Amino acid sequence: MLKIVKQFGIKQGERIILNKKAIQKALKELEALNQSLQSLHVKGGAVLVEDRNTQITCFDLDSYKRGQK
């Protein structure tokens, strides 16, 4: 519970408050994340190509077959 309040709550001085409005916002964010993860799961995963902290491209994991037998 502490981790959730810290992650989604609103800092006010020394306190972090997780009110109903912040909970609703967090639930919407989690629903969007869940939907994205479900889509990636159906596709079998994804690959992100980076070089020096620059994102170059992203593609489905199943589409990368080069060098595999």
Protein backbone atom coordinates (compact mmCIF):
# COMPACT_ATOMS: atom_id res chain seq x y z
CA MET A 1 0.00 0.00 0.00
CA LEU A 2 2.83 2.42 0.79
CA LYS A 3 4.38 1.90 -2.64
CA ILE A 4 1.05 2.66 -4.33
CA VAL A 5 0.53 5.87 -2.35
CA LYS A 6 4.08 6.98 -3.11
CA GLN A 7 3.77 6.20 -6.83
CA PHE A 8 0.33 7.68 -7.49
CA GLY A 9 -0.20 10.14 -4.65
CA ILE A 10 0.15 13.90 -4.68
CA LYS A 11 2.93 15.39 -2.57
CA GLN A 12 1.84 18.13 -0.19
CA GLY A 13 4.69 19.17 2.07
CA GLU A 14 5.88 16.12 3.97
CA ARG A 15 2.75 14.15 3.10
CA ILE A 16 1.78 12.21 0.03
CA ILE A 17 -1.98 12.06 -0.38
CA LEU A 18 -3.81 9.53 -2.51
CA ASN A 19 -7.38 10.78 -2.76
CA LYS A 20 -10.26 9.42 -4.84
CA LYS A 21 -9.43 11.68 -7.78
CA ALA A 22 -5.82 10.48 -7.86
CA ILE A 23 -6.99 6.87 -7.53
CA GLN A 24 -9.31 7.27 -10.53
CA LYS A 25 -6.44 8.74 -12.56
CA ALA A 26 -4.14 5.88 -11.52
CA LEU A 27 -6.77 3.30 -12.45
CA LYS A 28 -7.11 4.82 -15.92
CA GLU A 29 -3.33 4.75 -16.36
CA LEU A 30 -3.22 1.13 -15.23
CA GLU A 31 -6.06 0.17 -17.58
CA ALA A 32 -4.16 1.72 -20.50
CA LEU A 33 -0.98 -0.09 -19.45
CA ASN A 34 -2.89 -3.36 -19.13
CA GLN A 35 -4.33 -2.94 -22.62
CA SER A 36 -0.87 -2.28 -24.08
CA LEU A 37 0.61 -5.27 -22.28
CA GLN A 38 -2.22 -7.53 -23.46
CA SER A 39 -1.55 -6.43 -27.04
CA LEU A 40 2.17 -7.14 -26.66
CA HIS A 41 1.39 -10.51 -25.10
CA VAL A 42 -0.74 -11.52 -28.08
CA LYS A 43 2.09 -10.53 -30.42
CA GLY A 44 4.61 -12.55 -28.43
CA GLY A 45 6.60 -9.59 -27.12
CA ALA A 46 8.54 -6.70 -28.59
CA VAL A 47 12.10 -5.59 -29.23
CA LEU A 48 13.32 -2.03 -28.69
CA VAL A 49 16.55 -1.03 -30.42
CA GLU A 50 18.54 1.73 -28.70
CA ASP A 51 21.89 3.34 -29.32
CA ARG A 52 23.37 5.72 -26.74
CA ASN A 53 19.99 6.19 -25.04
CA THR A 54 18.32 7.02 -28.38
CA GLN A 55 15.36 4.87 -29.30
CA ILE A 56 15.80 3.80 -32.92
CA THR A 57 12.98 1.35 -33.61
CA CYS A 58 10.62 -1.15 -32.05
CA PHE A 59 9.23 -4.31 -33.63
CA ASP A 60 7.42 -7.52 -32.73
CA LEU A 61 9.66 -10.15 -31.15
CA ASP A 62 8.39 -12.84 -33.53
CA SER A 63 9.45 -10.81 -36.57
CA TYR A 64 13.15 -11.06 -35.71
CA LYS A 65 14.32 -14.36 -37.17
CA ARG A 66 17.67 -13.40 -38.74
CA GLY A 67 20.44 -15.85 -37.89
CA GLN A 68 18.10 -18.33 -36.24
CA LYS A 69 17.44 -21.82 -37.57
